[in-house]
Amino acid sequence: MTIGQLAQATGVPTTTVRYYERRGLLRPESRSPHGYRQYGDGAVDRLRFIRSAQVSGFALDDIARLLALCANGGEVCEDVQGIIEQRLAGVRHELKQLRYVERVLGRALDECRSCSPAVGCQTLDDLRDASTGRQASPKRCAGSQRVCRQ
């Protein structure tokens, strides 16, 4: 089948198929006399495996390692477990960072909601100060015209 037929059979854009080829995750079995990529039935299964692994949270580097383990056969459970453990640790780290971002944004939103338009936007001031490397401006008290330190 051609790259278009493979893409259609799996619901994946042809650009994605080409990207997976560049990453070494997928290879055409041959080329037609006119240079078109030609894939066998195994390419459909391989592409579906790649997409399924991505949906499960694996990065493309992880998927490359999993595909290599599939090709080698034998007892691979411990190797797969190691890949899962590494990916899970990465996900937990990302979640920790996202929880921090959530708290920061929540505080900024609370501050914005309590700010009077006449006072100005403390969040914008904070971002401007951070972007220029200046010391943070004093915080304006919520619902007040006066300035306070926090």
N, C-alpha and C. Protein backbone atom coordinates (compact mmCIF):
# COMPACT_ATOMS: atom_id res chain seq x y z
N MET A 1 0.83 -1.18 0.00
CA MET A 1 0.00 0.00 0.00
C MET A 1 0.88 1.25 0.00
N THR A 2 0.33 2.35 -0.48
CA THR A 2 1.07 3.62 -0.52
C THR A 2 0.97 4.31 0.83
N ILE A 3 1.70 5.39 0.98
CA ILE A 3 1.65 6.14 2.23
C ILE A 3 0.24 6.69 2.48
N GLY A 4 -0.43 7.12 1.41
CA GLY A 4 -1.80 7.62 1.54
C GLY A 4 -2.76 6.54 1.99
N GLN A 5 -2.60 5.35 1.45
CA GLN A 5 -3.46 4.23 1.85
C GLN A 5 -3.18 3.83 3.30
N LEU A 6 -1.92 3.83 3.69
CA LEU A 6 -1.56 3.52 5.08
C LEU A 6 -2.17 4.57 6.02
N ALA A 7 -2.03 5.81 5.65
CA ALA A 7 -2.58 6.89 6.47
C ALA A 7 -4.09 6.75 6.60
N GLN A 8 -4.75 6.46 5.50
CA GLN A 8 -6.20 6.31 5.52
C GLN A 8 -6.62 5.10 6.36
N ALA A 9 -5.90 4.00 6.25
CA ALA A 9 -6.23 2.78 6.99
C ALA A 9 -6.09 2.97 8.49
N THR A 10 -5.23 3.87 8.91
CA THR A 10 -4.96 4.05 10.34
C THR A 10 -5.51 5.36 10.89
N GLY A 11 -5.99 6.24 10.03
CA GLY A 11 -6.51 7.53 10.49
C GLY A 11 -5.42 8.49 10.92
N VAL A 12 -4.23 8.31 10.37
CA VAL A 12 -3.08 9.14 10.71
C VAL A 12 -2.71 9.96 9.48
N PRO A 13 -2.44 11.26 9.64
CA PRO A 13 -2.05 12.05 8.48
C PRO A 13 -0.73 11.55 7.86
N THR A 14 -0.59 11.74 6.55
CA THR A 14 0.63 11.30 5.87
C THR A 14 1.85 12.03 6.44
N THR A 15 1.68 13.27 6.87
CA THR A 15 2.81 14.00 7.46
C THR A 15 3.30 13.30 8.72
N THR A 16 2.39 12.73 9.48
CA THR A 16 2.76 12.00 10.69
C THR A 16 3.51 10.72 10.34
N VAL A 17 3.04 10.04 9.31
CA VAL A 17 3.72 8.81 8.86
C VAL A 17 5.16 9.16 8.46
N ARG A 18 5.32 10.24 7.70
CA ARG A 18 6.67 10.65 7.29
C ARG A 18 7.53 11.01 8.50
N TYR A 19 6.92 11.67 9.47
CA TYR A 19 7.65 12.03 10.70
C TYR A 19 8.12 10.77 11.43
N TYR A 20 7.24 9.80 11.55
CA TYR A 20 7.63 8.55 12.20
C TYR A 20 8.76 7.86 11.44
N GLU A 21 8.75 7.98 10.13
CA GLU A 21 9.85 7.44 9.34
C GLU A 21 11.16 8.15 9.69
N ARG A 22 11.12 9.47 9.72
CA ARG A 22 12.34 10.23 10.06
C ARG A 22 12.85 9.87 11.45
N ARG A 23 11.93 9.56 12.36
CA ARG A 23 12.32 9.17 13.72
C ARG A 23 12.77 7.71 13.80
N GLY A 24 12.64 6.96 12.71
CA GLY A 24 13.06 5.56 12.69
C GLY A 24 12.06 4.60 13.28
N LEU A 25 10.82 5.05 13.48
CA LEU A 25 9.80 4.19 14.06
C LEU A 25 9.09 3.33 13.02
N LEU A 26 9.14 3.76 11.79
CA LEU A 26 8.41 3.09 10.72
C LEU A 26 9.24 3.19 9.45
N ARG A 27 9.23 2.11 8.67
CA ARG A 27 9.99 2.11 7.41
C ARG A 27 9.14 1.49 6.31
N PRO A 28 9.20 2.08 5.11
CA PRO A 28 8.50 1.42 4.00
C PRO A 28 9.25 0.14 3.65
N GLU A 29 8.51 -0.85 3.16
CA GLU A 29 9.15 -2.11 2.78
C GLU A 29 9.92 -1.96 1.49
N SER A 30 9.43 -1.07 0.63
CA SER A 30 10.09 -0.89 -0.66
C SER A 30 9.66 0.44 -1.26
N ARG A 31 10.17 0.67 -2.46
CA ARG A 31 9.78 1.85 -3.24
C ARG A 31 9.30 1.37 -4.60
N SER A 32 8.29 2.06 -5.11
CA SER A 32 7.81 1.71 -6.45
C SER A 32 8.84 2.20 -7.47
N PRO A 33 8.70 1.80 -8.73
CA PRO A 33 9.62 2.29 -9.76
C PRO A 33 9.64 3.83 -9.86
N HIS A 34 8.54 4.46 -9.42
CA HIS A 34 8.48 5.92 -9.45
C HIS A 34 8.91 6.54 -8.13
N GLY A 35 9.39 5.74 -7.19
CA GLY A 35 9.91 6.25 -5.93
C GLY A 35 8.89 6.39 -4.81
N TYR A 36 7.66 5.93 -5.02
CA TYR A 36 6.65 6.01 -3.97
C TYR A 36 6.92 4.97 -2.89
N ARG A 37 6.70 5.37 -1.64
CA ARG A 37 6.85 4.44 -0.54
C ARG A 37 5.78 3.35 -0.65
N GLN A 38 6.17 2.13 -0.33
CA GLN A 38 5.22 1.03 -0.33
C GLN A 38 5.34 0.28 0.99
N TYR A 39 4.20 0.04 1.60
CA TYR A 39 4.15 -0.58 2.92
C TYR A 39 3.40 -1.90 2.85
N GLY A 40 3.79 -2.81 3.72
CA GLY A 40 3.09 -4.08 3.85
C GLY A 40 2.04 -4.00 4.95
N ASP A 41 1.34 -5.10 5.15
CA ASP A 41 0.29 -5.15 6.17
C ASP A 41 0.84 -4.91 7.57
N GLY A 42 2.08 -5.29 7.81
CA GLY A 42 2.68 -5.08 9.13
C GLY A 42 2.79 -3.62 9.51
N ALA A 43 2.84 -2.74 8.52
CA ALA A 43 2.95 -1.31 8.79
C ALA A 43 1.69 -0.79 9.48
N VAL A 44 0.54 -1.33 9.13
CA VAL A 44 -0.71 -0.91 9.77
C VAL A 44 -0.65 -1.25 11.25
N ASP A 45 -0.27 -2.48 11.57
CA ASP A 45 -0.16 -2.90 12.97
C ASP A 45 0.87 -2.06 13.73
N ARG A 46 1.99 -1.81 13.10
CA ARG A 46 3.06 -1.04 13.74
C ARG A 46 2.60 0.40 14.01
N LEU A 47 1.94 0.99 13.04
CA LEU A 47 1.46 2.36 13.19
C LEU A 47 0.39 2.43 14.28
N ARG A 48 -0.48 1.45 14.32
CA ARG A 48 -1.50 1.41 15.38
C ARG A 48 -0.85 1.22 16.75
N PHE A 49 0.20 0.42 16.82
CA PHE A 49 0.94 0.24 18.07
C PHE A 49 1.53 1.58 18.52
N ILE A 50 2.15 2.30 17.60
CA ILE A 50 2.77 3.60 17.92
C ILE A 50 1.71 4.56 18.47
N ARG A 51 0.57 4.65 17.79
CA ARG A 51 -0.48 5.56 18.23
C ARG A 51 -1.05 5.14 19.58
N SER A 52 -1.24 3.85 19.77
CA SER A 52 -1.76 3.35 21.04
C SER A 52 -0.79 3.66 22.19
N ALA A 53 0.49 3.48 21.94
CA ALA A 53 1.49 3.78 22.97
C ALA A 53 1.52 5.27 23.28
N GLN A 54 1.37 6.12 22.27
CA GLN A 54 1.33 7.56 22.50
C GLN A 54 0.13 7.94 23.37
N VAL A 55 -1.03 7.38 23.04
CA VAL A 55 -2.24 7.68 23.81
C VAL A 55 -2.07 7.21 25.26
N SER A 56 -1.29 6.16 25.46
CA SER A 56 -1.04 5.64 26.80
C SER A 56 -0.01 6.46 27.57
N GLY A 57 0.56 7.47 26.92
CA GLY A 57 1.47 8.37 27.63
C GLY A 57 2.94 8.16 27.32
N PHE A 58 3.27 7.25 26.44
CA PHE A 58 4.68 7.02 26.12
C PHE A 58 5.17 8.08 25.13
N ALA A 59 6.39 8.53 25.33
CA ALA A 59 7.04 9.45 24.41
C ALA A 59 7.59 8.64 23.23
N LEU A 60 7.91 9.33 22.15
CA LEU A 60 8.40 8.62 20.96
C LEU A 60 9.70 7.87 21.23
N ASP A 61 10.56 8.41 22.06
CA ASP A 61 11.79 7.69 22.41
C ASP A 61 11.46 6.39 23.15
N ASP A 62 10.47 6.45 24.04
CA ASP A 62 10.02 5.24 24.74
C ASP A 62 9.48 4.23 23.74
N ILE A 63 8.71 4.73 22.79
CA ILE A 63 8.09 3.85 21.80
C ILE A 63 9.16 3.17 20.94
N ALA A 64 10.19 3.90 20.60
CA ALA A 64 11.29 3.30 19.83
C ALA A 64 11.90 2.15 20.63
N ARG A 65 12.09 2.35 21.92
CA ARG A 65 12.64 1.28 22.75
C ARG A 65 11.68 0.10 22.85
N LEU A 66 10.39 0.38 22.98
CA LEU A 66 9.40 -0.69 23.05
C LEU A 66 9.36 -1.49 21.74
N LEU A 67 9.43 -0.78 20.62
CA LEU A 67 9.44 -1.47 19.32
C LEU A 67 10.68 -2.34 19.18
N ALA A 68 11.81 -1.86 19.66
CA ALA A 68 13.04 -2.66 19.61
C ALA A 68 12.88 -3.92 20.46
N LEU A 69 12.24 -3.78 21.61
CA LEU A 69 12.01 -4.94 22.47
C LEU A 69 11.07 -5.94 21.78
N CYS A 70 10.06 -5.43 21.10
CA CYS A 70 9.13 -6.32 20.36
C CYS A 70 9.90 -7.09 19.29
N ALA A 71 10.81 -6.42 18.61
CA ALA A 71 11.56 -7.05 17.52
C ALA A 71 12.51 -8.12 18.06
N ASN A 72 13.05 -7.89 19.25
CA ASN A 72 14.00 -8.84 19.83
C ASN A 72 13.33 -10.07 20.40
N GLY A 73 12.08 -9.91 20.83
CA GLY A 73 11.36 -11.05 21.41
C GLY A 73 11.98 -11.46 22.74
N GLY A 74 11.68 -12.64 23.18
CA GLY A 74 12.25 -13.15 24.42
C GLY A 74 11.60 -12.50 25.63
N GLU A 75 12.26 -12.65 26.76
CA GLU A 75 11.76 -12.13 28.02
C GLU A 75 12.09 -10.64 28.12
N VAL A 76 11.07 -9.82 27.99
CA VAL A 76 11.29 -8.37 27.97
C VAL A 76 10.50 -7.64 29.06
N CYS A 77 9.78 -8.37 29.87
CA CYS A 77 8.91 -7.72 30.87
C CYS A 77 9.68 -6.75 31.77
N GLU A 78 10.87 -7.15 32.21
CA GLU A 78 11.65 -6.27 33.08
C GLU A 78 12.07 -5.00 32.35
N ASP A 79 12.41 -5.14 31.06
CA ASP A 79 12.79 -3.97 30.27
C ASP A 79 11.60 -3.04 30.08
N VAL A 80 10.44 -3.60 29.80
CA VAL A 80 9.23 -2.80 29.63
C VAL A 80 8.89 -2.11 30.95
N GLN A 81 9.03 -2.84 32.04
CA GLN A 81 8.77 -2.27 33.36
C GLN A 81 9.68 -1.07 33.62
N GLY A 82 10.93 -1.17 33.24
CA GLY A 82 11.87 -0.05 33.41
C GLY A 82 11.45 1.17 32.61
N ILE A 83 10.99 0.95 31.39
CA ILE A 83 10.52 2.06 30.55
C ILE A 83 9.30 2.71 31.18
N ILE A 84 8.39 1.89 31.68
CA ILE A 84 7.19 2.42 32.32
C ILE A 84 7.56 3.22 33.57
N GLU A 85 8.47 2.68 34.37
CA GLU A 85 8.88 3.38 35.59
C GLU A 85 9.49 4.75 35.28
N GLN A 86 10.34 4.79 34.26
CA GLN A 86 10.95 6.07 33.87
C GLN A 86 9.90 7.06 33.39
N ARG A 87 8.98 6.60 32.58
CA ARG A 87 7.94 7.49 32.05
C ARG A 87 7.03 7.97 33.16
N LEU A 88 6.67 7.08 34.08
CA LEU A 88 5.82 7.43 35.20
C LEU A 88 6.49 8.48 36.09
N ALA A 89 7.79 8.33 36.31
CA ALA A 89 8.52 9.33 37.10
C ALA A 89 8.48 10.69 36.40
N GLY A 90 8.62 10.68 35.08
CA GLY A 90 8.53 11.93 34.33
C GLY A 90 7.16 12.56 34.42
N VAL A 91 6.13 11.75 34.34
CA VAL A 91 4.76 12.25 34.43
C VAL A 91 4.51 12.84 35.82
N ARG A 92 4.99 12.16 36.84
CA ARG A 92 4.82 12.68 38.21
C ARG A 92 5.53 14.01 38.39
N HIS A 93 6.70 14.15 37.80
CA HIS A 93 7.43 15.41 37.86
C HIS A 93 6.65 16.52 37.14
N GLU A 94 6.13 16.21 35.97
CA GLU A 94 5.33 17.19 35.22
C GLU A 94 4.09 17.60 36.00
N LEU A 95 3.44 16.63 36.66
CA LEU A 95 2.26 16.94 37.46
C LEU A 95 2.61 17.87 38.62
N LYS A 96 3.75 17.62 39.23
CA LYS A 96 4.19 18.49 40.33
C LYS A 96 4.38 19.92 39.82
N GLN A 97 5.01 20.06 38.66
CA GLN A 97 5.20 21.39 38.08
C GLN A 97 3.85 22.03 37.73
N LEU A 98 2.94 21.25 37.19
CA LEU A 98 1.62 21.78 36.83
C LEU A 98 0.82 22.21 38.06
N ARG A 99 0.96 21.47 39.17
CA ARG A 99 0.28 21.87 40.40
C ARG A 99 0.82 23.20 40.91
N TYR A 100 2.12 23.42 40.77
CA TYR A 100 2.71 24.70 41.16
C TYR A 100 2.16 25.82 40.28
N VAL A 101 2.12 25.58 38.97
CA VAL A 101 1.59 26.58 38.04
C VAL A 101 0.13 26.87 38.37
N GLU A 102 -0.63 25.83 38.71
CA GLU A 102 -2.03 26.02 39.08
C GLU A 102 -2.16 26.93 40.29
N ARG A 103 -1.32 26.73 41.30
CA ARG A 103 -1.39 27.58 42.49
C ARG A 103 -1.03 29.04 42.16
N VAL A 104 0.02 29.22 41.37
CA VAL A 104 0.45 30.57 41.01
C VAL A 104 -0.64 31.28 40.22
N LEU A 105 -1.21 30.60 39.23
CA LEU A 105 -2.26 31.20 38.42
C LEU A 105 -3.52 31.47 39.25
N GLY A 106 -3.83 30.56 40.15
CA GLY A 106 -4.99 30.76 41.03
C GLY A 106 -4.84 32.00 41.89
N ARG A 107 -3.63 32.18 42.45
CA ARG A 107 -3.37 33.38 43.26
C ARG A 107 -3.46 34.64 42.40
N ALA A 108 -2.90 34.57 41.20
CA ALA A 108 -2.95 35.73 40.31
C ALA A 108 -4.39 36.06 39.94
N LEU A 109 -5.19 35.04 39.68
CA LEU A 109 -6.59 35.28 39.34
C LEU A 109 -7.34 35.88 40.51
N ASP A 110 -7.12 35.36 41.71
CA ASP A 110 -7.78 35.92 42.90
C ASP A 110 -7.41 37.40 43.06
N GLU A 111 -6.12 37.68 42.83
CA GLU A 111 -5.66 39.08 42.95
C GLU A 111 -6.32 39.95 41.89
N CYS A 112 -6.40 39.46 40.68
CA CYS A 112 -7.03 40.23 39.60
C CYS A 112 -8.51 40.49 39.89
N ARG A 113 -9.19 39.50 40.41
CA ARG A 113 -10.62 39.65 40.68
C ARG A 113 -10.89 40.65 41.80
N SER A 114 -9.94 40.82 42.70
CA SER A 114 -10.15 41.73 43.82
C SER A 114 -9.59 43.12 43.54
N CYS A 115 -9.02 43.32 42.39
CA CYS A 115 -8.37 44.58 42.06
C CYS A 115 -9.36 45.56 41.46
N SER A 116 -9.23 46.79 41.85
CA SER A 116 -10.04 47.87 41.28
C SER A 116 -9.35 48.38 40.03
N PRO A 117 -10.10 48.60 38.94
CA PRO A 117 -9.48 49.12 37.72
C PRO A 117 -8.73 50.43 37.95
N ALA A 118 -9.16 51.20 38.93
CA ALA A 118 -8.49 52.48 39.21
C ALA A 118 -7.10 52.26 39.79
N VAL A 119 -6.90 51.11 40.42
CA VAL A 119 -5.60 50.82 41.05
C VAL A 119 -4.60 50.32 40.01
N GLY A 120 -5.08 49.66 38.97
CA GLY A 120 -4.18 49.07 37.97
C GLY A 120 -4.05 47.58 38.20
N CYS A 121 -3.38 46.93 37.32
CA CYS A 121 -3.28 45.46 37.38
C CYS A 121 -1.94 45.04 37.98
N GLN A 122 -2.01 44.48 39.16
CA GLN A 122 -0.80 44.03 39.85
C GLN A 122 -0.13 42.89 39.08
N THR A 123 -0.90 42.00 38.47
CA THR A 123 -0.32 40.88 37.72
C THR A 123 0.53 41.38 36.57
N LEU A 124 0.01 42.35 35.82
CA LEU A 124 0.80 42.92 34.72
C LEU A 124 2.06 43.59 35.24
N ASP A 125 1.93 44.31 36.35
CA ASP A 125 3.11 44.94 36.95
C ASP A 125 4.15 43.88 37.34
N ASP A 126 3.68 42.80 37.95
CA ASP A 126 4.60 41.73 38.37
C ASP A 126 5.30 41.10 37.16
N LEU A 127 4.54 40.86 36.09
CA LEU A 127 5.14 40.28 34.89
C LEU A 127 6.14 41.24 34.25
N ARG A 128 5.79 42.52 34.22
CA ARG A 128 6.73 43.52 33.67
C ARG A 128 8.01 43.56 34.49
N ASP A 129 7.86 43.57 35.82
CA ASP A 129 9.03 43.60 36.69
C ASP A 129 9.90 42.37 36.47
N ALA A 130 9.27 41.21 36.38
CA ALA A 130 10.02 39.96 36.19
C ALA A 130 10.73 39.95 34.85
N SER A 131 10.08 40.50 33.81
CA SER A 131 10.68 40.46 32.48
C SER A 131 11.85 41.42 32.33
N THR A 132 11.89 42.45 33.16
CA THR A 132 12.97 43.44 33.07
C THR A 132 14.04 43.20 34.12
N GLY A 133 13.77 42.27 35.04
CA GLY A 133 14.75 41.98 36.08
C GLY A 133 14.70 42.97 37.23
N ARG A 134 13.70 43.85 37.22
CA ARG A 134 13.57 44.81 38.32
C ARG A 134 12.99 44.13 39.53
N GLN A 135 13.23 44.76 40.68
CA GLN A 135 12.64 44.26 41.91
C GLN A 135 11.13 44.45 41.81
N ALA A 136 10.39 43.49 42.34
CA ALA A 136 8.93 43.53 42.25
C ALA A 136 8.38 44.79 42.88
N SER A 137 7.35 45.34 42.23
CA SER A 137 6.69 46.51 42.81
C SER A 137 5.91 46.10 44.05
N PRO A 138 5.65 47.07 44.91
CA PRO A 138 4.86 46.73 46.09
C PRO A 138 3.48 46.23 45.68
N LYS A 139 2.96 45.28 46.43
CA LYS A 139 1.63 44.73 46.13
C LYS A 139 0.56 45.71 46.60
N ARG A 140 -0.46 45.84 45.80
CA ARG A 140 -1.61 46.67 46.19
C ARG A 140 -2.56 45.79 46.99
N CYS A 141 -3.06 46.29 48.05
CA CYS A 141 -4.00 45.51 48.86
C CYS A 141 -5.30 45.32 48.11
N ALA A 142 -5.89 44.16 48.26
CA ALA A 142 -7.12 43.82 47.55
C ALA A 142 -8.23 44.80 47.94
N GLY A 143 -8.88 45.36 46.93
CA GLY A 143 -10.02 46.25 47.15
C GLY A 143 -9.65 47.56 47.81
N SER A 144 -8.38 47.93 47.78
CA SER A 144 -7.95 49.14 48.47
C SER A 144 -7.14 50.00 47.53
N GLN A 145 -7.13 51.28 47.79
CA GLN A 145 -6.32 52.20 46.98
C GLN A 145 -4.91 52.31 47.53
N ARG A 146 -4.68 51.79 48.74
CA ARG A 146 -3.35 51.95 49.32
C ARG A 146 -2.41 50.84 48.86
N VAL A 147 -1.12 51.01 49.07
CA VAL A 147 -0.11 50.05 48.66
C VAL A 147 0.41 49.35 49.90
N CYS A 148 0.64 48.06 49.80
CA CYS A 148 1.17 47.31 50.95
C CYS A 148 2.24 46.33 50.46
N ARG A 149 3.03 45.82 51.34
CA ARG A 149 4.04 44.80 51.04
C ARG A 149 3.50 43.44 51.44
N GLN A 150 3.76 42.44 50.58
CA GLN A 150 3.37 41.07 50.92
C GLN A 150 4.56 40.17 50.89
